[in-house]
PDB file of N, CA and C in Angstrom:
ATOM      1  N   UNK A   1       0.975  -1.410  -0.010  1.00  0.00           N
ATOM      2  CA  UNK A   1      -0.156   0.353  -0.047  1.00  0.00           C
ATOM      3  C   UNK A   1       0.821   1.216  -0.099  1.00  0.00           C
ATOM      4  N   UNK A   2       1.868   1.088   0.729  1.00  0.00           N
ATOM      5  CA  UNK A   2       2.921   2.660   1.005  1.00  0.00           C
ATOM      6  C   UNK A   2       3.464   2.791  -0.513  1.00  0.00           C
ATOM      7  N   UNK A   3       3.958   1.418  -1.090  1.00  0.00           N
ATOM      8  CA  UNK A   3       4.585   1.894  -2.494  1.00  0.00           C
ATOM      9  C   UNK A   3       3.576   2.331  -3.285  1.00  0.00           C
ATOM     10  N   UNK A   4       2.324   2.118  -3.496  1.00  0.00           N
ATOM     11  CA  UNK A   4       1.137   2.683  -4.205  1.00  0.00           C
ATOM     12  C   UNK A   4       0.947   4.302  -3.628  1.00  0.00           C
ATOM     13  N   UNK A   5       1.304   4.245  -2.849  1.00  0.00           N
ATOM     14  CA  UNK A   5       0.794   6.029  -2.252  1.00  0.00           C
ATOM     15  C   UNK A   5       2.080   6.586  -2.745  1.00  0.00           C
ATOM     16  N   UNK A   6       2.980   6.245  -2.547  1.00  0.00           N
ATOM     17  CA  UNK A   6       4.367   6.860  -2.754  1.00  0.00           C
ATOM     18  C   UNK A   6       4.590   7.030  -4.299  1.00  0.00           C
ATOM     19  N   UNK A   7       4.261   6.013  -5.108  1.00  0.00           N
ATOM     20  CA  UNK A   7       3.744   5.748  -6.730  1.00  0.00           C
ATOM     21  C   UNK A   7       2.846   7.365  -6.872  1.00  0.00           C
ATOM     22  N   UNK A   8       2.064   7.159  -6.427  1.00  0.00           N
ATOM     23  CA  UNK A   8       0.616   8.069  -6.918  1.00  0.00           C
ATOM     24  C   UNK A   8       1.284   9.712  -6.281  1.00  0.00           C
ATOM     25  N   UNK A   9       1.937   9.928  -5.075  1.00  0.00           N
ATOM     26  CA  UNK A   9       2.324  10.909  -4.740  1.00  0.00           C
ATOM     27  C   UNK A   9       3.051  11.687  -5.781  1.00  0.00           C
ATOM     28  N   UNK A  10       4.216  10.575  -6.159  1.00  0.00           N
ATOM     29  CA  UNK A  10       5.545  10.927  -7.059  1.00  0.00           C
ATOM     30  C   UNK A  10       4.901  11.512  -8.611  1.00  0.00           C
ATOM     31  N   UNK A  11       3.991  10.724  -8.976  1.00  0.00           N
ATOM     32  CA  UNK A  11       3.248  11.034 -10.414  1.00  0.00           C
ATOM     33  C   UNK A  11       2.436  12.149 -10.242  1.00  0.00           C
ATOM     34  N   UNK A  12       1.716  12.289  -9.192  1.00  0.00           N
ATOM     35  CA  UNK A  12       1.201  13.808  -9.040  1.00  0.00           C
ATOM     36  C   UNK A  12       2.350  14.763  -9.045  1.00  0.00           C
ATOM     37  N   UNK A  13       3.450  14.823  -8.177  1.00  0.00           N
ATOM     38  CA  UNK A  13       4.545  16.205  -8.291  1.00  0.00           C
ATOM     39  C   UNK A  13       4.861  15.894 -10.056  1.00  0.00           C
ATOM     40  N   UNK A  14       5.211  14.874 -10.241  1.00  0.00           N
ATOM     41  CA  UNK A  14       5.722  14.750 -11.908  1.00  0.00           C
ATOM     42  C   UNK A  14       5.247  15.678 -12.612  1.00  0.00           C
ATOM     43  N   UNK A  15       3.832  15.924 -12.389  1.00  0.00           N
ATOM     44  CA  UNK A  15       2.588  16.435 -13.148  1.00  0.00           C
ATOM     45  C   UNK A  15       3.035  18.050 -13.107  1.00  0.00           C
ATOM     46  N   UNK A  16       2.909  18.198 -11.769  1.00  0.00           N
ATOM     47  CA  UNK A  16       3.027  19.667 -11.621  1.00  0.00           C
ATOM     48  C   UNK A  16       4.446  20.192 -12.030  1.00  0.00           C
ATOM     49  N   UNK A  17       5.924  19.426 -11.899  1.00  0.00           N
ATOM     50  CA  UNK A  17       6.804  19.459 -12.303  1.00  0.00           C
ATOM     51  C   UNK A  17       6.912  19.991 -13.696  1.00  0.00           C
ATOM     52  N   UNK A  18       6.192  19.083 -14.307  1.00  0.00           N
ATOM     53  CA  UNK A  18       6.289  19.104 -16.256  1.00  0.00           C
ATOM     54  C   UNK A  18       5.611  19.934 -16.510  1.00  0.00           C
ATOM     55  N   UNK A  19       4.567  20.578 -15.867  1.00  0.00           N
ATOM     56  CA  UNK A  19       4.012  21.549 -16.125  1.00  0.00           C
ATOM     57  C   UNK A  19       4.791  23.086 -16.004  1.00  0.00           C
ATOM     58  N   UNK A  20       5.748  23.083 -15.606  1.00  0.00           N
ATOM     59  CA  UNK A  20       6.272  24.109 -14.845  1.00  0.00           C
ATOM     60  C   UNK A  20       7.958  24.228 -15.616  1.00  0.00           C
ATOM     61  N   UNK A  21       8.038  23.339 -16.333  1.00  0.00           N
ATOM     62  CA  UNK A  21       9.400  23.602 -16.407  1.00  0.00           C
ATOM     63  C   UNK A  21       9.491  23.814 -18.053  1.00  0.00           C
ATOM     64  N   UNK A  22       8.796  23.456 -18.989  1.00  0.00           N
ATOM     65  CA  UNK A  22       8.307  23.662 -19.907  1.00  0.00           C
ATOM     66  C   UNK A  22       9.373  25.435 -20.433  1.00  0.00           C
ATOM     67  N   UNK A  23       8.636  26.028 -19.638  1.00  0.00           N
ATOM     68  CA  UNK A  23       8.913  27.951 -20.624  1.00  0.00           C
ATOM     69  C   UNK A  23      10.394  28.206 -19.982  1.00  0.00           C
ATOM     70  N   UNK A  24      10.541  26.990 -19.083  1.00  0.00           N
ATOM     71  CA  UNK A  24      12.162  28.019 -18.122  1.00  0.00           C
ATOM     72  C   UNK A  24      13.307  27.394 -19.280  1.00  0.00           C
ATOM     73  N   UNK A  25      12.820  26.338 -20.084  1.00  0.00           N
ATOM     74  CA  UNK A  25      14.107  25.537 -20.775  1.00  0.00           C
ATOM     75  C   UNK A  25      13.665  26.556 -22.390  1.00  0.00           C
ATOM     76  N   UNK A  26      12.741  27.214 -22.814  1.00  0.00           N
ATOM     77  CA  UNK A  26      12.686  28.185 -23.032  1.00  0.00           C
ATOM     78  C   UNK A  26      13.205  29.491 -23.226  1.00  0.00           C
ATOM     79  N   UNK A  27      13.174  29.954 -22.083  1.00  0.00           N
ATOM     80  CA  UNK A  27      13.918  31.234 -21.524  1.00  0.00           C
ATOM     81  C   UNK A  27      15.280  31.125 -21.800  1.00  0.00           C
ATOM     82  N   UNK A  28      15.849  29.790 -21.439  1.00  0.00           N
ATOM     83  CA  UNK A  28      17.198  29.775 -21.136  1.00  0.00           C
ATOM     84  C   UNK A  28      17.591  30.101 -22.531  1.00  0.00           C
ATOM     85  N   UNK A  29      17.157  29.489 -23.821  1.00  0.00           N
ATOM     86  CA  UNK A  29      17.452  29.133 -24.881  1.00  0.00           C
ATOM     87  C   UNK A  29      17.442  30.418 -25.730  1.00  0.00           C
ATOM     88  N   UNK A  30      16.351  31.595 -25.069  1.00  0.00           N
ATOM     89  CA  UNK A  30      16.082  32.863 -25.790  1.00  0.00           C
ATOM     90  C   UNK A  30      17.067  33.745 -24.826  1.00  0.00           C
ATOM     91  N   UNK A  31      17.644  33.615 -23.608  1.00  0.00           N
ATOM     92  CA  UNK A  31      18.460  34.364 -23.015  1.00  0.00           C
ATOM     93  C   UNK A  31      19.967  34.050 -23.551  1.00  0.00           C
ATOM     94  N   UNK A  32      20.289  33.075 -24.294  1.00  0.00           N
ATOM     95  CA  UNK A  32      21.812  32.772 -24.883  1.00  0.00           C
ATOM     96  C   UNK A  32      21.896  33.668 -25.609  1.00  0.00           C
ATOM     97  N   UNK A  33      21.056  33.889 -26.637  1.00  0.00           N
ATOM     98  CA  UNK A  33      20.932  34.423 -28.017  1.00  0.00           C
ATOM     99  C   UNK A  33      21.384  36.114 -27.611  1.00  0.00           C
ATOM    100  N   UNK A  34      20.794  36.458 -26.037  1.00  0.00           N
ATOM    101  CA  UNK A  34      21.200  37.939 -25.843  1.00  0.00           C
ATOM    102  C   UNK A  34      22.473  38.360 -25.300  1.00  0.00           C
ATOM    103  N   UNK A  35      23.038  39.605 -25.639  1.00  0.00           N
ATOM    104  CA  UNK A  35      23.811  39.692 -24.545  1.00  0.00           C
ATOM    105  C   UNK A  35      23.908  39.763 -23.440  1.00  0.00           C
ATOM    106  N   UNK A  36      25.180  39.567 -22.777  1.00  0.00           N
ATOM    107  CA  UNK A  36      25.402  39.436 -20.926  1.00  0.00           C
ATOM    108  C   UNK A  36      24.614  40.954 -20.407  1.00  0.00           C
ATOM    109  N   UNK A  37      24.725  42.280 -21.026  1.00  0.00           N
ATOM    110  CA  UNK A  37      24.096  43.043 -20.223  1.00  0.00           C
ATOM    111  C   UNK A  37      22.581  43.054 -20.666  1.00  0.00           C
ATOM    112  N   UNK A  38      22.116  42.251 -21.428  1.00  0.00           N
ATOM    113  CA  UNK A  38      20.421  42.556 -21.301  1.00  0.00           C
ATOM    114  C   UNK A  38      19.867  41.826 -20.780  1.00  0.00           C
ATOM    115  N   UNK A  39      20.341  40.793 -20.072  1.00  0.00           N
ATOM    116  CA  UNK A  39      19.746  40.014 -19.097  1.00  0.00           C
ATOM    117  C   UNK A  39      18.707  40.651 -18.034  1.00  0.00           C
ATOM    118  N   UNK A  40      17.961  39.887 -17.711  1.00  0.00           N
ATOM    119  CA  UNK A  40      17.219  40.637 -16.499  1.00  0.00           C
ATOM    120  C   UNK A  40      17.051  39.706 -15.402  1.00  0.00           C
ATOM    121  N   UNK A  41      17.876  40.417 -14.052  1.00  0.00           N
ATOM    122  CA  UNK A  41      17.909  39.260 -12.976  1.00  0.00           C
ATOM    123  C   UNK A  41      16.769  38.328 -13.230  1.00  0.00           C
ATOM    124  N   UNK A  42      16.846  37.186 -12.284  1.00  0.00           N
ATOM    125  CA  UNK A  42      16.218  35.837 -12.008  1.00  0.00           C
ATOM    126  C   UNK A  42      14.839  36.789 -11.610  1.00  0.00           C
ATOM    127  N   UNK A  43      15.176  36.973 -10.236  1.00  0.00           N
ATOM    128  CA  UNK A  43      13.888  37.571  -9.676  1.00  0.00           C
ATOM    129  C   UNK A  43      12.931  38.596 -10.463  1.00  0.00           C
ATOM    130  N   UNK A  44      13.401  39.486 -11.440  1.00  0.00           N
ATOM    131  CA  UNK A  44      12.321  40.521 -11.788  1.00  0.00           C
ATOM    132  C   UNK A  44      11.306  39.695 -12.554  1.00  0.00           C
ATOM    133  N   UNK A  45       9.956  39.949 -12.498  1.00  0.00           N
ATOM    134  CA  UNK A  45       8.924  39.481 -13.147  1.00  0.00           C
ATOM    135  C   UNK A  45       8.026  40.853 -14.006  1.00  0.00           C
ATOM    136  N   UNK A  46       7.517  40.446 -15.279  1.00  0.00           N
ATOM    137  CA  UNK A  46       7.068  41.169 -15.510  1.00  0.00           C
ATOM    138  C   UNK A  46       5.532  41.248 -14.899  1.00  0.00           C
ATOM    139  N   UNK A  47       5.021  42.298 -14.928  1.00  0.00           N
ATOM    140  CA  UNK A  47       3.733  42.687 -14.362  1.00  0.00           C
ATOM    141  C   UNK A  47       2.676  41.552 -14.711  1.00  0.00           C
ATOM    142  N   UNK A  48       2.577  41.377 -16.058  1.00  0.00           N
ATOM    143  CA  UNK A  48       1.510  40.210 -16.535  1.00  0.00           C
ATOM    144  C   UNK A  48       1.757  38.928 -16.383  1.00  0.00           C
ATOM    145  N   UNK A  49       2.970  38.356 -15.926  1.00  0.00           N
ATOM    146  CA  UNK A  49       3.459  36.948 -15.525  1.00  0.00           C
ATOM    147  C   UNK A  49       2.747  36.837 -14.395  1.00  0.00           C
ATOM    148  N   UNK A  50       2.166  35.096 -14.423  1.00  0.00           N
ATOM    149  CA  UNK A  50       1.702  34.860 -13.190  1.00  0.00           C
ATOM    150  C   UNK A  50       2.716  33.462 -12.901  1.00  0.00           C
ATOM    151  N   UNK A  51       2.582  33.003 -11.658  1.00  0.00           N
ATOM    152  CA  UNK A  51       3.181  32.066 -11.272  1.00  0.00           C
ATOM    153  C   UNK A  51       2.645  30.737 -11.650  1.00  0.00           C
ATOM    154  N   UNK A  52       3.859  29.892 -11.567  1.00  0.00           N
ATOM    155  CA  UNK A  52       3.884  28.561 -12.085  1.00  0.00           C
ATOM    156  C   UNK A  52       2.410  27.875 -11.259  1.00  0.00           C
ATOM    157  N   UNK A  53       2.461  28.189 -10.073  1.00  0.00           N
ATOM    158  CA  UNK A  53       1.662  27.628  -9.137  1.00  0.00           C
ATOM    159  C   UNK A  53       2.070  27.825  -7.789  1.00  0.00           C
ATOM    160  N   UNK A  54       1.546  27.021  -7.045  1.00  0.00           N
ATOM    161  CA  UNK A  54       2.149  26.927  -5.458  1.00  0.00           C
ATOM    162  C   UNK A  54       1.657  25.863  -4.497  1.00  0.00           C
ATOM    163  N   UNK A  55       2.421  25.668  -3.446  1.00  0.00           N
ATOM    164  CA  UNK A  55       2.477  24.524  -2.417  1.00  0.00           C
ATOM    165  C   UNK A  55       1.684  25.379  -1.077  1.00  0.00           C
ATOM    166  N   UNK A  56       0.798  25.129  -0.649  1.00  0.00           N
ATOM    167  CA  UNK A  56      -0.017  25.330   0.537  1.00  0.00           C
ATOM    168  C   UNK A  56      -0.238  24.081   1.434  1.00  0.00           C
ATOM    169  N   UNK A  57       0.959  24.661   2.810  1.00  0.00           N
ATOM    170  CA  UNK A  57       0.980  24.201   4.033  1.00  0.00           C
ATOM    171  C   UNK A  57       0.067  24.133   4.883  1.00  0.00           C
ATOM    172  N   UNK A  58      -1.129  23.315   5.216  1.00  0.00           N
ATOM    173  CA  UNK A  58      -2.228  23.512   6.316  1.00  0.00           C
ATOM    174  C   UNK A  58      -2.528  22.366   7.408  1.00  0.00           C
ATOM    175  N   UNK A  59      -3.055  22.786   8.401  1.00  0.00           N
ATOM    176  CA  UNK A  59      -3.821  21.853   9.273  1.00  0.00           C
ATOM    177  C   UNK A  59      -5.018  21.239   8.613  1.00  0.00           C
ATOM    178  N   UNK A  60      -5.138  20.170   8.823  1.00  0.00           N
ATOM    179  CA  UNK A  60      -6.583  19.441   8.499  1.00  0.00           C
ATOM    180  C   UNK A  60      -7.422  19.645   9.673  1.00  0.00           C
ATOM    181  N   UNK A  61      -8.810  18.861   9.700  1.00  0.00           N
ATOM    182  CA  UNK A  61     -10.002  19.219  11.124  1.00  0.00           C
ATOM    183  C   UNK A  61      -9.184  18.431  11.926  1.00  0.00           C
ATOM    184  N   UNK A  62      -8.581  17.684  11.744  1.00  0.00           N
ATOM    185  CA  UNK A  62      -8.018  16.410  13.066  1.00  0.00           C
ATOM    186  C   UNK A  62      -6.580  17.421  13.582  1.00  0.00           C
ATOM    187  N   UNK A  63      -6.156  18.653  13.413  1.00  0.00           N
ATOM    188  CA  UNK A  63      -5.161  19.033  13.677  1.00  0.00           C
ATOM    189  C   UNK A  63      -3.502  18.496  13.628  1.00  0.00           C
ATOM    190  N   UNK A  64      -3.668  18.000  12.019  1.00  0.00           N
ATOM    191  CA  UNK A  64      -2.468  17.134  11.550  1.00  0.00           C
ATOM    192  C   UNK A  64      -2.322  18.089  10.421  1.00  0.00           C
ATOM    193  N   UNK A  65      -0.517  17.898   9.763  1.00  0.00           N
ATOM    194  CA  UNK A  65      -0.539  19.085   8.970  1.00  0.00           C
ATOM    195  C   UNK A  65      -0.654  18.576   7.358  1.00  0.00           C
ATOM    196  N   UNK A  66      -0.843  18.714   6.368  1.00  0.00           N
ATOM    197  CA  UNK A  66      -1.246  18.597   4.765  1.00  0.00           C
ATOM    198  C   UNK A  66      -0.900  19.362   3.804  1.00  0.00           C
ATOM    199  N   UNK A  67      -0.420  19.056   2.862  1.00  0.00           N
ATOM    200  CA  UNK A  67      -0.184  20.072   1.662  1.00  0.00           C
ATOM    201  C   UNK A  67      -0.844  19.879   0.612  1.00  0.00           C
ATOM    202  N   UNK A  68      -0.879  20.643   0.064  1.00  0.00           N
ATOM    203  CA  UNK A  68      -1.749  20.423  -1.554  1.00  0.00           C
ATOM    204  C   UNK A  68      -1.034  21.359  -2.825  1.00  0.00           C
ATOM    205  N   UNK A  69      -0.921  21.120  -4.182  1.00  0.00           N
ATOM    206  CA  UNK A  69      -0.542  21.368  -4.806  1.00  0.00           C
ATOM    207  C   UNK A  69      -1.312  22.381  -5.625  1.00  0.00           C
ATOM    208  N   UNK A  70      -0.807  23.795  -6.198  1.00  0.00           N
ATOM    209  CA  UNK A  70      -2.203  24.627  -6.656  1.00  0.00           C
ATOM    210  C   UNK A  70      -1.265  24.994  -8.189  1.00  0.00           C
ATOM    211  N   UNK A  71      -2.225  24.807  -9.286  1.00  0.00           N
ATOM    212  CA  UNK A  71      -1.849  25.457 -10.268  1.00  0.00           C
ATOM    213  C   UNK A  71      -1.848  26.781 -10.454  1.00  0.00           C
ATOM    214  N   UNK A  72      -1.511  27.600 -11.255  1.00  0.00           N
ATOM    215  CA  UNK A  72      -1.541  29.072 -11.442  1.00  0.00           C
ATOM    216  C   UNK A  72      -3.028  29.966 -11.603  1.00  0.00           C
ATOM    217  N   UNK A  73      -4.148  29.100 -11.468  1.00  0.00           N
ATOM    218  CA  UNK A  73      -5.647  29.504 -11.412  1.00  0.00           C
ATOM    219  C   UNK A  73      -5.789  28.969  -9.905  1.00  0.00           C
ATOM    220  N   UNK A  74      -4.708  28.852  -9.094  1.00  0.00           N
ATOM    221  CA  UNK A  74      -5.377  28.356  -7.756  1.00  0.00           C
ATOM    222  C   UNK A  74      -6.372  26.604  -7.565  1.00  0.00           C
ATOM    223  N   UNK A  75      -6.168  26.225  -8.629  1.00  0.00           N
ATOM    224  CA  UNK A  75      -6.984  24.936  -8.386  1.00  0.00           C
ATOM    225  C   UNK A  75      -6.265  23.939  -7.928  1.00  0.00           C
ATOM    226  N   UNK A  76      -6.742  22.870  -7.255  1.00  0.00           N
ATOM    227  CA  UNK A  76      -5.515  21.706  -6.664  1.00  0.00           C
ATOM    228  C   UNK A  76      -5.434  20.826  -7.572  1.00  0.00           C
ATOM    229  N   UNK A  77      -3.920  20.621  -7.888  1.00  0.00           N
ATOM    230  CA  UNK A  77      -3.908  19.191  -8.945  1.00  0.00           C
ATOM    231  C   UNK A  77      -2.990  18.356  -8.367  1.00  0.00           C
ATOM    232  N   UNK A  78      -2.836  18.264  -7.104  1.00  0.00           N
ATOM    233  CA  UNK A  78      -2.224  17.262  -6.618  1.00  0.00           C
ATOM    234  C   UNK A  78      -2.300  17.368  -4.970  1.00  0.00           C
ATOM    235  N   UNK A  79      -2.481  16.779  -4.362  1.00  0.00           N
ATOM    236  CA  UNK A  79      -2.113  16.357  -2.984  1.00  0.00           C
ATOM    237  C   UNK A  79      -2.053  14.813  -2.396  1.00  0.00           C
ATOM    238  N   UNK A  80      -1.320  14.855  -1.317  1.00  0.00           N
ATOM    239  CA  UNK A  80      -1.005  13.534  -0.796  1.00  0.00           C
ATOM    240  C   UNK A  80      -2.502  12.753  -0.715  1.00  0.00           C
ATOM    241  N   UNK A  81      -2.638  11.568  -0.340  1.00  0.00           N
ATOM    242  CA  UNK A  81      -3.806  10.888  -0.031  1.00  0.00           C
ATOM    243  C   UNK A  81      -4.137  11.244   1.245  1.00  0.00           C
ATOM    244  N   UNK A  82      -5.455  10.978   2.132  1.00  0.00           N
ATOM    245  CA  UNK A  82      -6.127  11.500   3.247  1.00  0.00           C
ATOM    246  C   UNK A  82      -5.670  10.821   4.278  1.00  0.00           C
ATOM    247  N   UNK A  83      -4.965   9.486   4.150  1.00  0.00           N
ATOM    248  CA  UNK A  83      -4.033   9.214   5.258  1.00  0.00           C
ATOM    249  C   UNK A  83      -2.937   9.805   5.578  1.00  0.00           C
ATOM    250  N   UNK A  84      -2.300  10.392   4.905  1.00  0.00           N
ATOM    251  CA  UNK A  84      -1.149  10.794   4.743  1.00  0.00           C
ATOM    252  C   UNK A  84      -0.798  12.115   5.362  1.00  0.00           C
ATOM    253  N   UNK A  85      -0.867  12.598   6.542  1.00  0.00           N
ATOM    254  CA  UNK A  85      -0.459  13.592   7.215  1.00  0.00           C
ATOM    255  C   UNK A  85       0.648  13.474   8.197  1.00  0.00           C
ATOM    256  N   UNK A  86       1.139  14.555   8.553  1.00  0.00           N
ATOM    257  CA  UNK A  86       2.214  14.975   9.748  1.00  0.00           C
ATOM    258  C   UNK A  86       2.024  15.343  11.068  1.00  0.00           C
ATOM    259  N   UNK A  87       2.380  15.549  11.833  1.00  0.00           N
ATOM    260  CA  UNK A  87       2.195  15.735  13.434  1.00  0.00           C
ATOM    261  C   UNK A  87       2.817  17.354  13.175  1.00  0.00           C
ATOM    262  N   UNK A  88       4.009  17.720  12.800  1.00  0.00           N
ATOM    263  CA  UNK A  88       4.646  19.120  12.601  1.00  0.00           C
ATOM    264  C   UNK A  88       4.402  19.636  11.173  1.00  0.00           C
ATOM    265  N   UNK A  89       4.284  20.609  11.138  1.00  0.00           N
ATOM    266  CA  UNK A  89       4.482  21.676   9.898  1.00  0.00           C
ATOM    267  C   UNK A  89       6.085  21.349   9.524  1.00  0.00           C
ATOM    268  N   UNK A  90       6.880  21.452  10.142  1.00  0.00           N
ATOM    269  CA  UNK A  90       8.370  20.706  10.029  1.00  0.00           C
ATOM    270  C   UNK A  90       8.433  19.420   9.304  1.00  0.00           C
ATOM    271  N   UNK A  91       7.531  18.375   9.704  1.00  0.00           N
ATOM    272  CA  UNK A  91       7.572  17.132   8.906  1.00  0.00           C
ATOM    273  C   UNK A  91       6.420  17.192   7.507  1.00  0.00           C
ATOM    274  N   UNK A  92       5.901  18.141   7.441  1.00  0.00           N
ATOM    275  CA  UNK A  92       5.044  18.448   6.032  1.00  0.00           C
ATOM    276  C   UNK A  92       6.004  18.563   5.162  1.00  0.00           C
ATOM    277  N   UNK A  93       6.885  20.053   5.433  1.00  0.00           N
ATOM    278  CA  UNK A  93       7.755  20.541   4.408  1.00  0.00           C
ATOM    279  C   UNK A  93       9.105  19.815   4.115  1.00  0.00           C
ATOM    280  N   UNK A  94       9.274  18.952   5.151  1.00  0.00           N
ATOM    281  CA  UNK A  94      10.263  18.071   4.617  1.00  0.00           C
ATOM    282  C   UNK A  94       9.503  16.979   4.038  1.00  0.00           C
ATOM    283  N   UNK A  95       8.688  16.700   3.645  1.00  0.00           N
ATOM    284  CA  UNK A  95       8.223  15.585   2.536  1.00  0.00           C
ATOM    285  C   UNK A  95       8.030  16.049   1.380  1.00  0.00           C
ATOM    286  N   UNK A  96       7.522  17.265   1.626  1.00  0.00           N
ATOM    287  CA  UNK A  96       7.577  18.552  -0.087  1.00  0.00           C
ATOM    288  C   UNK A  96       9.028  18.755  -0.429  1.00  0.00           C
ATOM    289  N   UNK A  97      10.125  18.720   0.690  1.00  0.00           N
ATOM    290  CA  UNK A  97      11.284  18.792   0.017  1.00  0.00           C
ATOM    291  C   UNK A  97      11.999  17.624  -0.797  1.00  0.00           C
ATOM    292  N   UNK A  98      11.537  16.565   0.077  1.00  0.00           N
ATOM    293  CA  UNK A  98      11.687  15.404  -0.221  1.00  0.00           C
ATOM    294  C   UNK A  98      11.134  14.801  -2.014  1.00  0.00           C
ATOM    295  N   UNK A  99       9.950  15.350  -1.948  1.00  0.00           N
ATOM    296  CA  UNK A  99       9.236  15.100  -3.026  1.00  0.00           C
ATOM    297  C   UNK A  99       9.442  16.365  -4.250  1.00  0.00           C
ATOM    298  N   UNK A 100      10.228  17.087  -4.175  1.00  0.00           N
ATOM    299  CA  UNK A 100      10.683  18.330  -4.975  1.00  0.00           C
ATOM    300  C   UNK A 100      12.317  17.280  -5.434  1.00  0.00           C
ATOM    301  N   UNK A 101      13.002  17.210  -4.383  1.00  0.00           N
ATOM    302  CA  UNK A 101      14.171  16.249  -4.702  1.00  0.00           C
ATOM    303  C   UNK A 101      14.098  15.271  -5.503  1.00  0.00           C
ATOM    304  N   UNK A 102      13.206  14.383  -5.463  1.00  0.00           N
ATOM    305  CA  UNK A 102      12.859  13.300  -6.112  1.00  0.00           C
ATOM    306  C   UNK A 102      12.444  13.744  -7.262  1.00  0.00           C
ATOM    307  N   UNK A 103      11.758  14.391  -7.874  1.00  0.00           N
ATOM    308  CA  UNK A 103      11.157  14.932  -9.116  1.00  0.00           C
ATOM    309  C   UNK A 103      12.213  15.870  -9.779  1.00  0.00           C
ATOM    310  N   UNK A 104      12.892  16.328  -9.182  1.00  0.00           N
ATOM    311  CA  UNK A 104      14.141  16.971 -10.098  1.00  0.00           C
ATOM    312  C   UNK A 104      15.184  16.394 -10.382  1.00  0.00           C
ATOM    313  N   UNK A 105      14.948  14.907 -10.112  1.00  0.00           N
ATOM    314  CA  UNK A 105      16.301  13.828 -10.132  1.00  0.00           C
ATOM    315  C   UNK A 105      15.818  12.721 -11.133  1.00  0.00           C
ATOM    316  N   UNK A 106      14.581  12.236 -11.128  1.00  0.00           N
ATOM    317  CA  UNK A 106      14.034  11.573 -12.161  1.00  0.00           C
ATOM    318  C   UNK A 106      13.373  11.520 -13.247  1.00  0.00           C
ATOM    319  N   UNK A 107      12.895  10.715 -14.210  1.00  0.00           N
ATOM    320  CA  UNK A 107      12.452  10.653 -15.285  1.00  0.00           C
ATOM    321  C   UNK A 107      10.927   9.952 -14.959  1.00  0.00           C
ATOM    322  N   UNK A 108      10.252  10.502 -15.547  1.00  0.00           N
ATOM    323  CA  UNK A 108       8.891   9.478 -15.633  1.00  0.00           C
ATOM    324  C   UNK A 108       8.877   8.405 -15.921  1.00  0.00           C
ATOM    325  N   UNK A 109       8.334   6.994 -15.784  1.00  0.00           N
ATOM    326  CA  UNK A 109       8.612   6.066 -16.257  1.00  0.00           C
ATOM    327  C   UNK A 109       7.026   5.335 -17.051  1.00  0.00           C
ATOM    328  N   UNK A 110       6.984   4.251 -17.660  1.00  0.00           N
ATOM    329  CA  UNK A 110       5.259   3.984 -18.224  1.00  0.00           C
ATOM    330  C   UNK A 110       5.574   2.657 -17.202  1.00  0.00           C
ATOM    331  N   UNK A 111       4.518   2.753 -16.662  1.00  0.00           N
ATOM    332  CA  UNK A 111       4.057   1.113 -15.955  1.00  0.00           C
ATOM    333  C   UNK A 111       3.020   0.416 -16.679  1.00  0.00           C
ATOM    334  N   UNK A 112       3.966  -0.635 -17.226  1.00  0.00           N
ATOM    335  CA  UNK A 112       3.272  -1.581 -17.688  1.00  0.00           C
ATOM    336  C   UNK A 112       2.249  -2.682 -16.958  1.00  0.00           C
ATOM    337  N   UNK A 113       1.065  -2.999 -17.143  1.00  0.00           N
ATOM    338  CA  UNK A 113       0.363  -3.856 -16.052  1.00  0.00           C
ATOM    339  C   UNK A 113       0.419  -4.870 -16.896  1.00  0.00           C
TER     340      UNK A 113
END
């Protein structure tokens, strides 16, 4: 069961990462053609640009910590299964960090049933 939960969480997070990484690669290619002095600082955003999404950490009705991943429009696109929750906020944030690490280092694989 835990293998299934980890796989589901991983796939959800992969979807989030895949949705947000497509434009970054294109931006790097475009920046490579510009002179060095024409590049903007990484934290400078145009007013019309929207964030790729966010991760919210919150307490559930039982006082346990959970998180959910939101897209740019604020809709939930991924979250752990209901039985996954943490006693402290730090533990939930540690789970998010672990998930980010996994997603940044692995590639999706197709599972044949």
